[in-house]
């Protein structure tokens, strides 16, 4: 059984990109570490309650985070979130300088 770590109120399986490719972690909370591969794309959604969404890639896997974290290409990051098959819906991003969280 893979190792689990706790962050906030949830437990996350520590996985590698190869383990995610096998499909056994679809729908599970996971944590993966790697480097931001490209410039993160930050999208702004104006509405009654404005919001932001950040999209980037780590180890070839798309990561989506609700918010605008201070990340750049080449930054080392731990991504905590739910693996939904084609991407990780991140709830926590941990860098060397900060921990970014979003509402669940």
PDB file of N, CA and C in Angstrom:
ATOM      1  N   UNK A   1       0.852  -1.190   0.000  1.00  0.00           N
ATOM      2  CA  UNK A   1       0.000   0.000   0.000  1.00  0.00           C
ATOM      3  C   UNK A   1       0.888   1.241   0.000  1.00  0.00           C
ATOM      4  N   UNK A   2       0.585   2.224  -0.837  1.00  0.00           N
ATOM      5  CA  UNK A   2       1.398   3.444  -0.890  1.00  0.00           C
ATOM      6  C   UNK A   2       1.337   4.224   0.431  1.00  0.00           C
ATOM      7  N   UNK A   3       2.373   4.981   0.679  1.00  0.00           N
ATOM      8  CA  UNK A   3       2.444   5.824   1.873  1.00  0.00           C
ATOM      9  C   UNK A   3       1.401   6.935   1.780  1.00  0.00           C
ATOM     10  N   UNK A   4       0.853   7.324   2.948  1.00  0.00           N
ATOM     11  CA  UNK A   4      -0.110   8.428   3.008  1.00  0.00           C
ATOM     12  C   UNK A   4       0.422   9.507   3.937  1.00  0.00           C
ATOM     13  N   UNK A   5       0.104  10.761   3.609  1.00  0.00           N
ATOM     14  CA  UNK A   5       0.454  11.901   4.457  1.00  0.00           C
ATOM     15  C   UNK A   5      -0.808  12.720   4.698  1.00  0.00           C
ATOM     16  N   UNK A   6      -0.819  13.459   5.805  1.00  0.00           N
ATOM     17  CA  UNK A   6      -1.972  14.289   6.119  1.00  0.00           C
ATOM     18  C   UNK A   6      -1.626  15.753   5.864  1.00  0.00           C
ATOM     19  N   UNK A   7      -2.547  16.450   5.210  1.00  0.00           N
ATOM     20  CA  UNK A   7      -2.428  17.891   4.983  1.00  0.00           C
ATOM     21  C   UNK A   7      -3.811  18.463   5.230  1.00  0.00           C
ATOM     22  N   UNK A   8      -3.916  19.367   6.189  1.00  0.00           N
ATOM     23  CA  UNK A   8      -5.227  19.905   6.523  1.00  0.00           C
ATOM     24  C   UNK A   8      -6.099  18.829   7.139  1.00  0.00           C
ATOM     25  N   UNK A   9      -7.292  18.641   6.560  1.00  0.00           N
ATOM     26  CA  UNK A   9      -8.238  17.656   7.077  1.00  0.00           C
ATOM     27  C   UNK A   9      -8.216  16.338   6.310  1.00  0.00           C
ATOM     28  N   UNK A  10      -7.359  16.198   5.311  1.00  0.00           N
ATOM     29  CA  UNK A  10      -7.398  15.034   4.436  1.00  0.00           C
ATOM     30  C   UNK A  10      -6.068  14.287   4.414  1.00  0.00           C
ATOM     31  N   UNK A  11      -6.149  13.005   4.058  1.00  0.00           N
ATOM     32  CA  UNK A  11      -4.969  12.179   3.815  1.00  0.00           C
ATOM     33  C   UNK A  11      -4.759  12.071   2.313  1.00  0.00           C
ATOM     34  N   UNK A  12      -3.503  12.033   1.899  1.00  0.00           N
ATOM     35  CA  UNK A  12      -3.144  11.978   0.487  1.00  0.00           C
ATOM     36  C   UNK A  12      -2.146  10.842   0.263  1.00  0.00           C
ATOM     37  N   UNK A  13      -2.332  10.066  -0.817  1.00  0.00           N
ATOM     38  CA  UNK A  13      -1.381   9.030  -1.204  1.00  0.00           C
ATOM     39  C   UNK A  13      -0.192   9.688  -1.891  1.00  0.00           C
ATOM     40  N   UNK A  14       1.015   9.332  -1.459  1.00  0.00           N
ATOM     41  CA  UNK A  14       2.240   9.832  -2.101  1.00  0.00           C
ATOM     42  C   UNK A  14       2.470   8.973  -3.342  1.00  0.00           C
ATOM     43  N   UNK A  15       2.438   9.593  -4.519  1.00  0.00           N
ATOM     44  CA  UNK A  15       2.529   8.845  -5.773  1.00  0.00           C
ATOM     45  C   UNK A  15       3.584   9.440  -6.702  1.00  0.00           C
ATOM     46  N   UNK A  16       3.976   8.637  -7.669  1.00  0.00           N
ATOM     47  CA  UNK A  16       4.869   9.082  -8.738  1.00  0.00           C
ATOM     48  C   UNK A  16       4.033   9.250 -10.011  1.00  0.00           C
ATOM     49  N   UNK A  17       4.561   9.936 -11.016  1.00  0.00           N
ATOM     50  CA  UNK A  17       3.815  10.092 -12.271  1.00  0.00           C
ATOM     51  C   UNK A  17       3.497   8.746 -12.929  1.00  0.00           C
ATOM     52  N   UNK A  18       4.393   7.779 -12.796  1.00  0.00           N
ATOM     53  CA  UNK A  18       4.164   6.459 -13.374  1.00  0.00           C
ATOM     54  C   UNK A  18       2.965   5.772 -12.719  1.00  0.00           C
ATOM     55  N   UNK A  19       2.833   5.923 -11.397  1.00  0.00           N
ATOM     56  CA  UNK A  19       1.700   5.322 -10.694  1.00  0.00           C
ATOM     57  C   UNK A  19       0.380   5.949 -11.135  1.00  0.00           C
ATOM     58  N   UNK A  20       0.380   7.257 -11.418  1.00  0.00           N
ATOM     59  CA  UNK A  20      -0.835   7.908 -11.892  1.00  0.00           C
ATOM     60  C   UNK A  20      -1.224   7.392 -13.268  1.00  0.00           C
ATOM     61  N   UNK A  21      -0.229   7.080 -14.083  1.00  0.00           N
ATOM     62  CA  UNK A  21      -0.499   6.580 -15.434  1.00  0.00           C
ATOM     63  C   UNK A  21      -1.174   5.220 -15.442  1.00  0.00           C
ATOM     64  N   UNK A  22      -0.997   4.450 -14.373  1.00  0.00           N
ATOM     65  CA  UNK A  22      -1.605   3.115 -14.309  1.00  0.00           C
ATOM     66  C   UNK A  22      -3.117   3.186 -14.121  1.00  0.00           C
ATOM     67  N   UNK A  23      -3.640   4.334 -13.650  1.00  0.00           N
ATOM     68  CA  UNK A  23      -5.078   4.514 -13.501  1.00  0.00           C
ATOM     69  C   UNK A  23      -5.647   4.055 -12.175  1.00  0.00           C
ATOM     70  N   UNK A  24      -4.818   3.521 -11.283  1.00  0.00           N
ATOM     71  CA  UNK A  24      -5.311   3.021 -10.012  1.00  0.00           C
ATOM     72  C   UNK A  24      -5.671   4.091  -9.002  1.00  0.00           C
ATOM     73  N   UNK A  25      -5.298   5.324  -9.265  1.00  0.00           N
ATOM     74  CA  UNK A  25      -5.548   6.400  -8.307  1.00  0.00           C
ATOM     75  C   UNK A  25      -6.625   7.379  -8.761  1.00  0.00           C
ATOM     76  N   UNK A  26      -7.354   7.033  -9.799  1.00  0.00           N
ATOM     77  CA  UNK A  26      -8.424   7.911 -10.292  1.00  0.00           C
ATOM     78  C   UNK A  26      -9.458   8.121  -9.187  1.00  0.00           C
ATOM     79  N   UNK A  27      -9.767   9.399  -8.903  1.00  0.00           N
ATOM     80  CA  UNK A  27     -10.743   9.730  -7.879  1.00  0.00           C
ATOM     81  C   UNK A  27     -10.189   9.755  -6.464  1.00  0.00           C
ATOM     82  N   UNK A  28      -8.896   9.528  -6.310  1.00  0.00           N
ATOM     83  CA  UNK A  28      -8.272   9.492  -4.983  1.00  0.00           C
ATOM     84  C   UNK A  28      -7.507  10.788  -4.722  1.00  0.00           C
ATOM     85  N   UNK A  29      -7.330  11.106  -3.434  1.00  0.00           N
ATOM     86  CA  UNK A  29      -6.494  12.235  -3.033  1.00  0.00           C
ATOM     87  C   UNK A  29      -5.038  11.801  -3.130  1.00  0.00           C
ATOM     88  N   UNK A  30      -4.241  12.584  -3.843  1.00  0.00           N
ATOM     89  CA  UNK A  30      -2.829  12.226  -4.058  1.00  0.00           C
ATOM     90  C   UNK A  30      -1.950  13.450  -3.783  1.00  0.00           C
ATOM     91  N   UNK A  31      -0.661  13.184  -3.559  1.00  0.00           N
ATOM     92  CA  UNK A  31       0.346  14.238  -3.501  1.00  0.00           C
ATOM     93  C   UNK A  31       1.501  13.805  -4.396  1.00  0.00           C
ATOM     94  N   UNK A  32       1.981  14.739  -5.212  1.00  0.00           N
ATOM     95  CA  UNK A  32       3.066  14.476  -6.141  1.00  0.00           C
ATOM     96  C   UNK A  32       4.014  15.667  -6.134  1.00  0.00           C
ATOM     97  N   UNK A  33       5.303  15.396  -6.211  1.00  0.00           N
ATOM     98  CA  UNK A  33       6.302  16.464  -6.196  1.00  0.00           C
ATOM     99  C   UNK A  33       6.999  16.530  -7.545  1.00  0.00           C
ATOM    100  N   UNK A  34       7.316  17.757  -7.973  1.00  0.00           N
ATOM    101  CA  UNK A  34       8.022  17.936  -9.230  1.00  0.00           C
ATOM    102  C   UNK A  34       8.279  19.405  -9.501  1.00  0.00           C
ATOM    103  N   UNK A  35       8.619  19.701 -10.733  1.00  0.00           N
ATOM    104  CA  UNK A  35       8.923  21.069 -11.144  1.00  0.00           C
ATOM    105  C   UNK A  35       7.852  21.575 -12.107  1.00  0.00           C
ATOM    106  N   UNK A  36       7.518  22.855 -12.005  1.00  0.00           N
ATOM    107  CA  UNK A  36       6.579  23.479 -12.932  1.00  0.00           C
ATOM    108  C   UNK A  36       7.255  23.514 -14.300  1.00  0.00           C
ATOM    109  N   UNK A  37       6.620  22.882 -15.292  1.00  0.00           N
ATOM    110  CA  UNK A  37       7.252  22.698 -16.602  1.00  0.00           C
ATOM    111  C   UNK A  37       7.143  23.902 -17.525  1.00  0.00           C
ATOM    112  N   UNK A  38       6.122  24.693 -17.379  1.00  0.00           N
ATOM    113  CA  UNK A  38       5.935  25.821 -18.284  1.00  0.00           C
ATOM    114  C   UNK A  38       5.389  26.996 -17.484  1.00  0.00           C
ATOM    115  N   UNK A  39       5.197  28.107 -18.143  1.00  0.00           N
ATOM    116  CA  UNK A  39       4.635  29.260 -17.444  1.00  0.00           C
ATOM    117  C   UNK A  39       3.195  28.957 -17.055  1.00  0.00           C
ATOM    118  N   UNK A  40       2.843  29.104 -15.783  1.00  0.00           N
ATOM    119  CA  UNK A  40       1.452  28.885 -15.392  1.00  0.00           C
ATOM    120  C   UNK A  40       0.523  29.888 -16.082  1.00  0.00           C
ATOM    121  N   UNK A  41      -0.648  29.416 -16.466  1.00  0.00           N
ATOM    122  CA  UNK A  41      -1.661  30.264 -17.088  1.00  0.00           C
ATOM    123  C   UNK A  41      -2.682  30.606 -16.012  1.00  0.00           C
ATOM    124  N   UNK A  42      -2.843  31.897 -15.730  1.00  0.00           N
ATOM    125  CA  UNK A  42      -3.786  32.345 -14.713  1.00  0.00           C
ATOM    126  C   UNK A  42      -4.966  32.997 -15.412  1.00  0.00           C
ATOM    127  N   UNK A  43      -6.160  32.455 -15.165  1.00  0.00           N
ATOM    128  CA  UNK A  43      -7.380  32.951 -15.797  1.00  0.00           C
ATOM    129  C   UNK A  43      -8.217  33.680 -14.751  1.00  0.00           C
ATOM    130  N   UNK A  44      -8.778  34.808 -15.130  1.00  0.00           N
ATOM    131  CA  UNK A  44      -9.639  35.598 -14.239  1.00  0.00           C
ATOM    132  C   UNK A  44     -11.070  35.469 -14.707  1.00  0.00           C
ATOM    133  N   UNK A  45     -11.988  35.203 -13.770  1.00  0.00           N
ATOM    134  CA  UNK A  45     -13.409  35.088 -14.077  1.00  0.00           C
ATOM    135  C   UNK A  45     -14.166  36.184 -13.341  1.00  0.00           C
ATOM    136  N   UNK A  46     -14.545  37.262 -14.034  1.00  0.00           N
ATOM    137  CA  UNK A  46     -15.308  38.315 -13.368  1.00  0.00           C
ATOM    138  C   UNK A  46     -16.751  37.859 -13.142  1.00  0.00           C
ATOM    139  N   UNK A  47     -17.245  38.136 -11.967  1.00  0.00           N
ATOM    140  CA  UNK A  47     -18.643  37.837 -11.630  1.00  0.00           C
ATOM    141  C   UNK A  47     -18.957  38.565 -10.325  1.00  0.00           C
ATOM    142  N   UNK A  48     -20.063  38.220  -9.697  1.00  0.00           N
ATOM    143  CA  UNK A  48     -20.385  38.817  -8.401  1.00  0.00           C
ATOM    144  C   UNK A  48     -19.274  38.553  -7.392  1.00  0.00           C
ATOM    145  N   UNK A  49     -18.731  37.340  -7.443  1.00  0.00           N
ATOM    146  CA  UNK A  49     -17.579  36.981  -6.607  1.00  0.00           C
ATOM    147  C   UNK A  49     -16.455  36.619  -7.571  1.00  0.00           C
ATOM    148  N   UNK A  50     -15.542  37.544  -7.863  1.00  0.00           N
ATOM    149  CA  UNK A  50     -14.479  37.262  -8.840  1.00  0.00           C
ATOM    150  C   UNK A  50     -13.589  36.109  -8.372  1.00  0.00           C
ATOM    151  N   UNK A  51     -13.060  35.357  -9.332  1.00  0.00           N
ATOM    152  CA  UNK A  51     -12.191  34.242  -8.980  1.00  0.00           C
ATOM    153  C   UNK A  51     -11.117  34.064 -10.047  1.00  0.00           C
ATOM    154  N   UNK A  52     -10.101  33.296  -9.694  1.00  0.00           N
ATOM    155  CA  UNK A  52      -8.987  33.003 -10.580  1.00  0.00           C
ATOM    156  C   UNK A  52      -8.804  31.500 -10.640  1.00  0.00           C
ATOM    157  N   UNK A  53      -8.261  31.026 -11.754  1.00  0.00           N
ATOM    158  CA  UNK A  53      -7.881  29.619 -11.899  1.00  0.00           C
ATOM    159  C   UNK A  53      -6.504  29.580 -12.531  1.00  0.00           C
ATOM    160  N   UNK A  54      -5.629  28.752 -11.970  1.00  0.00           N
ATOM    161  CA  UNK A  54      -4.270  28.614 -12.473  1.00  0.00           C
ATOM    162  C   UNK A  54      -4.095  27.205 -13.029  1.00  0.00           C
ATOM    163  N   UNK A  55      -3.526  27.119 -14.241  1.00  0.00           N
ATOM    164  CA  UNK A  55      -3.289  25.843 -14.902  1.00  0.00           C
ATOM    165  C   UNK A  55      -1.805  25.764 -15.250  1.00  0.00           C
ATOM    166  N   UNK A  56      -1.181  24.632 -14.894  1.00  0.00           N
ATOM    167  CA  UNK A  56       0.222  24.393 -15.237  1.00  0.00           C
ATOM    168  C   UNK A  56       0.459  22.894 -15.285  1.00  0.00           C
ATOM    169  N   UNK A  57       1.683  22.478 -15.654  1.00  0.00           N
ATOM    170  CA  UNK A  57       2.025  21.061 -15.759  1.00  0.00           C
ATOM    171  C   UNK A  57       3.187  20.729 -14.826  1.00  0.00           C
ATOM    172  N   UNK A  58       3.071  19.549 -14.189  1.00  0.00           N
ATOM    173  CA  UNK A  58       4.139  18.997 -13.348  1.00  0.00           C
ATOM    174  C   UNK A  58       4.309  17.537 -13.763  1.00  0.00           C
ATOM    175  N   UNK A  59       5.517  17.150 -14.117  1.00  0.00           N
ATOM    176  CA  UNK A  59       5.804  15.774 -14.540  1.00  0.00           C
ATOM    177  C   UNK A  59       4.879  15.323 -15.674  1.00  0.00           C
ATOM    178  N   UNK A  60       4.532  16.234 -16.566  1.00  0.00           N
ATOM    179  CA  UNK A  60       3.694  15.902 -17.706  1.00  0.00           C
ATOM    180  C   UNK A  60       2.210  15.824 -17.405  1.00  0.00           C
ATOM    181  N   UNK A  61       1.804  16.136 -16.178  1.00  0.00           N
ATOM    182  CA  UNK A  61       0.403  16.040 -15.779  1.00  0.00           C
ATOM    183  C   UNK A  61      -0.137  17.446 -15.533  1.00  0.00           C
ATOM    184  N   UNK A  62      -1.306  17.734 -16.085  1.00  0.00           N
ATOM    185  CA  UNK A  62      -1.938  19.034 -15.915  1.00  0.00           C
ATOM    186  C   UNK A  62      -2.433  19.193 -14.480  1.00  0.00           C
ATOM    187  N   UNK A  63      -2.209  20.388 -13.926  1.00  0.00           N
ATOM    188  CA  UNK A  63      -2.652  20.716 -12.571  1.00  0.00           C
ATOM    189  C   UNK A  63      -3.546  21.940 -12.667  1.00  0.00           C
ATOM    190  N   UNK A  64      -4.696  21.893 -11.993  1.00  0.00           N
ATOM    191  CA  UNK A  64      -5.626  23.028 -11.953  1.00  0.00           C
ATOM    192  C   UNK A  64      -5.831  23.422 -10.505  1.00  0.00           C
ATOM    193  N   UNK A  65      -5.701  24.724 -10.240  1.00  0.00           N
ATOM    194  CA  UNK A  65      -5.802  25.247  -8.885  1.00  0.00           C
ATOM    195  C   UNK A  65      -6.682  26.484  -8.904  1.00  0.00           C
ATOM    196  N   UNK A  66      -7.676  26.543  -8.014  1.00  0.00           N
ATOM    197  CA  UNK A  66      -8.546  27.711  -7.930  1.00  0.00           C
ATOM    198  C   UNK A  66      -7.839  28.746  -7.071  1.00  0.00           C
ATOM    199  N   UNK A  67      -7.331  29.780  -7.725  1.00  0.00           N
ATOM    200  CA  UNK A  67      -6.574  30.830  -7.065  1.00  0.00           C
ATOM    201  C   UNK A  67      -5.440  31.278  -7.958  1.00  0.00           C
ATOM    202  N   UNK A  68      -4.647  32.208  -7.464  1.00  0.00           N
ATOM    203  CA  UNK A  68      -3.523  32.746  -8.236  1.00  0.00           C
ATOM    204  C   UNK A  68      -2.252  32.657  -7.396  1.00  0.00           C
ATOM    205  N   UNK A  69      -1.669  31.454  -7.275  1.00  0.00           N
ATOM    206  CA  UNK A  69      -0.453  31.308  -6.477  1.00  0.00           C
ATOM    207  C   UNK A  69       0.744  31.951  -7.173  1.00  0.00           C
ATOM    208  N   UNK A  70       1.733  32.284  -6.395  1.00  0.00           N
ATOM    209  CA  UNK A  70       2.963  32.876  -6.915  1.00  0.00           C
ATOM    210  C   UNK A  70       3.897  31.738  -7.332  1.00  0.00           C
ATOM    211  N   UNK A  71       3.727  31.270  -8.576  1.00  0.00           N
ATOM    212  CA  UNK A  71       4.517  30.169  -9.132  1.00  0.00           C
ATOM    213  C   UNK A  71       5.109  30.592 -10.459  1.00  0.00           C
ATOM    214  N   UNK A  72       6.237  30.017 -10.783  1.00  0.00           N
ATOM    215  CA  UNK A  72       6.842  30.280 -12.073  1.00  0.00           C
ATOM    216  C   UNK A  72       7.452  29.027 -12.657  1.00  0.00           C
ATOM    217  N   UNK A  73       7.810  29.102 -13.913  1.00  0.00           N
ATOM    218  CA  UNK A  73       8.434  27.977 -14.596  1.00  0.00           C
ATOM    219  C   UNK A  73       9.711  27.574 -13.861  1.00  0.00           C
ATOM    220  N   UNK A  74       9.863  26.269 -13.603  1.00  0.00           N
ATOM    221  CA  UNK A  74      11.056  25.752 -12.940  1.00  0.00           C
ATOM    222  C   UNK A  74      10.959  25.661 -11.423  1.00  0.00           C
ATOM    223  N   UNK A  75       9.902  26.207 -10.827  1.00  0.00           N
ATOM    224  CA  UNK A  75       9.742  26.127  -9.371  1.00  0.00           C
ATOM    225  C   UNK A  75       9.440  24.692  -8.952  1.00  0.00           C
ATOM    226  N   UNK A  76      10.039  24.281  -7.839  1.00  0.00           N
ATOM    227  CA  UNK A  76       9.746  22.967  -7.256  1.00  0.00           C
ATOM    228  C   UNK A  76       8.449  23.099  -6.457  1.00  0.00           C
ATOM    229  N   UNK A  77       7.517  22.149  -6.653  1.00  0.00           N
ATOM    230  CA  UNK A  77       6.209  22.243  -6.012  1.00  0.00           C
ATOM    231  C   UNK A  77       5.715  20.858  -5.621  1.00  0.00           C
ATOM    232  N   UNK A  78       5.034  20.790  -4.478  1.00  0.00           N
ATOM    233  CA  UNK A  78       4.282  19.598  -4.089  1.00  0.00           C
ATOM    234  C   UNK A  78       2.820  19.919  -4.351  1.00  0.00           C
ATOM    235  N   UNK A  79       2.158  19.056  -5.092  1.00  0.00           N
ATOM    236  CA  UNK A  79       0.762  19.258  -5.461  1.00  0.00           C
ATOM    237  C   UNK A  79      -0.096  18.261  -4.688  1.00  0.00           C
ATOM    238  N   UNK A  80      -1.009  18.779  -3.879  1.00  0.00           N
ATOM    239  CA  UNK A  80      -1.973  17.958  -3.140  1.00  0.00           C
ATOM    240  C   UNK A  80      -3.327  18.161  -3.804  1.00  0.00           C
ATOM    241  N   UNK A  81      -4.000  17.068  -4.150  1.00  0.00           N
ATOM    242  CA  UNK A  81      -5.315  17.223  -4.757  1.00  0.00           C
ATOM    243  C   UNK A  81      -5.920  15.910  -5.164  1.00  0.00           C
ATOM    244  N   UNK A  82      -7.011  15.985  -5.908  1.00  0.00           N
ATOM    245  CA  UNK A  82      -7.730  14.796  -6.372  1.00  0.00           C
ATOM    246  C   UNK A  82      -7.360  14.551  -7.821  1.00  0.00           C
ATOM    247  N   UNK A  83      -6.929  13.308  -8.108  1.00  0.00           N
ATOM    248  CA  UNK A  83      -6.594  12.920  -9.478  1.00  0.00           C
ATOM    249  C   UNK A  83      -7.877  12.503 -10.178  1.00  0.00           C
ATOM    250  N   UNK A  84      -8.232  13.214 -11.248  1.00  0.00           N
ATOM    251  CA  UNK A  84      -9.494  12.947 -11.942  1.00  0.00           C
ATOM    252  C   UNK A  84      -9.289  12.260 -13.294  1.00  0.00           C
ATOM    253  N   UNK A  85      -8.107  11.749 -13.543  1.00  0.00           N
ATOM    254  CA  UNK A  85      -7.856  10.997 -14.769  1.00  0.00           C
ATOM    255  C   UNK A  85      -6.979  11.720 -15.761  1.00  0.00           C
ATOM    256  N   UNK A  86      -7.359  12.942 -16.131  1.00  0.00           N
ATOM    257  CA  UNK A  86      -6.549  13.695 -17.090  1.00  0.00           C
ATOM    258  C   UNK A  86      -5.816  14.861 -16.434  1.00  0.00           C
ATOM    259  N   UNK A  87      -6.141  15.150 -15.162  1.00  0.00           N
ATOM    260  CA  UNK A  87      -5.468  16.244 -14.462  1.00  0.00           C
ATOM    261  C   UNK A  87      -5.627  16.061 -12.949  1.00  0.00           C
ATOM    262  N   UNK A  88      -4.937  16.904 -12.217  1.00  0.00           N
ATOM    263  CA  UNK A  88      -5.058  16.942 -10.759  1.00  0.00           C
ATOM    264  C   UNK A  88      -5.787  18.230 -10.405  1.00  0.00           C
ATOM    265  N   UNK A  89      -6.884  18.104  -9.680  1.00  0.00           N
ATOM    266  CA  UNK A  89      -7.610  19.260  -9.162  1.00  0.00           C
ATOM    267  C   UNK A  89      -6.985  19.574  -7.808  1.00  0.00           C
ATOM    268  N   UNK A  90      -6.058  20.519  -7.787  1.00  0.00           N
ATOM    269  CA  UNK A  90      -5.250  20.787  -6.604  1.00  0.00           C
ATOM    270  C   UNK A  90      -6.013  21.592  -5.555  1.00  0.00           C
ATOM    271  N   UNK A  91      -5.803  21.228  -4.291  1.00  0.00           N
ATOM    272  CA  UNK A  91      -6.364  21.984  -3.173  1.00  0.00           C
ATOM    273  C   UNK A  91      -5.266  22.662  -2.368  1.00  0.00           C
ATOM    274  N   UNK A  92      -4.030  22.134  -2.467  1.00  0.00           N
ATOM    275  CA  UNK A  92      -2.879  22.719  -1.762  1.00  0.00           C
ATOM    276  C   UNK A  92      -1.672  22.650  -2.689  1.00  0.00           C
ATOM    277  N   UNK A  93      -0.931  23.751  -2.766  1.00  0.00           N
ATOM    278  CA  UNK A  93       0.351  23.799  -3.472  1.00  0.00           C
ATOM    279  C   UNK A  93       1.404  24.210  -2.453  1.00  0.00           C
ATOM    280  N   UNK A  94       2.448  23.403  -2.309  1.00  0.00           N
ATOM    281  CA  UNK A  94       3.510  23.710  -1.355  1.00  0.00           C
ATOM    282  C   UNK A  94       4.809  23.952  -2.116  1.00  0.00           C
ATOM    283  N   UNK A  95       5.393  25.141  -1.931  1.00  0.00           N
ATOM    284  CA  UNK A  95       6.675  25.480  -2.543  1.00  0.00           C
ATOM    285  C   UNK A  95       7.688  25.682  -1.435  1.00  0.00           C
ATOM    286  N   UNK A  96       8.901  26.031  -1.808  1.00  0.00           N
ATOM    287  CA  UNK A  96       9.936  26.309  -0.810  1.00  0.00           C
ATOM    288  C   UNK A  96       9.615  27.569  -0.018  1.00  0.00           C
ATOM    289  N   UNK A  97       8.856  28.490  -0.610  1.00  0.00           N
ATOM    290  CA  UNK A  97       8.590  29.774   0.028  1.00  0.00           C
ATOM    291  C   UNK A  97       7.223  29.881   0.690  1.00  0.00           C
ATOM    292  N   UNK A  98       6.241  29.075   0.251  1.00  0.00           N
ATOM    293  CA  UNK A  98       4.878  29.269   0.766  1.00  0.00           C
ATOM    294  C   UNK A  98       4.027  28.026   0.553  1.00  0.00           C
ATOM    295  N   UNK A  99       2.890  28.000   1.263  1.00  0.00           N
ATOM    296  CA  UNK A  99       1.855  26.985   1.068  1.00  0.00           C
ATOM    297  C   UNK A  99       0.593  27.734   0.641  1.00  0.00           C
ATOM    298  N   UNK A 100       0.050  27.363  -0.522  1.00  0.00           N
ATOM    299  CA  UNK A 100      -1.155  27.988  -1.062  1.00  0.00           C
ATOM    300  C   UNK A 100      -2.303  26.990  -0.904  1.00  0.00           C
ATOM    301  N   UNK A 101      -3.422  27.430  -0.350  1.00  0.00           N
ATOM    302  CA  UNK A 101      -4.586  26.563  -0.182  1.00  0.00           C
ATOM    303  C   UNK A 101      -5.789  27.203  -0.847  1.00  0.00           C
ATOM    304  N   UNK A 102      -6.785  26.376  -1.112  1.00  0.00           N
ATOM    305  CA  UNK A 102      -8.026  26.852  -1.703  1.00  0.00           C
ATOM    306  C   UNK A 102      -9.193  26.241  -0.946  1.00  0.00           C
ATOM    307  N   UNK A 103     -10.356  26.846  -1.063  1.00  0.00           N
ATOM    308  CA  UNK A 103     -11.557  26.303  -0.432  1.00  0.00           C
ATOM    309  C   UNK A 103     -11.920  24.971  -1.076  1.00  0.00           C
ATOM    310  N   UNK A 104     -12.488  24.090  -0.289  1.00  0.00           N
ATOM    311  CA  UNK A 104     -12.896  22.783  -0.814  1.00  0.00           C
ATOM    312  C   UNK A 104     -14.389  22.708  -0.944  1.00  0.00           C
TER     313      UNK A 104
END
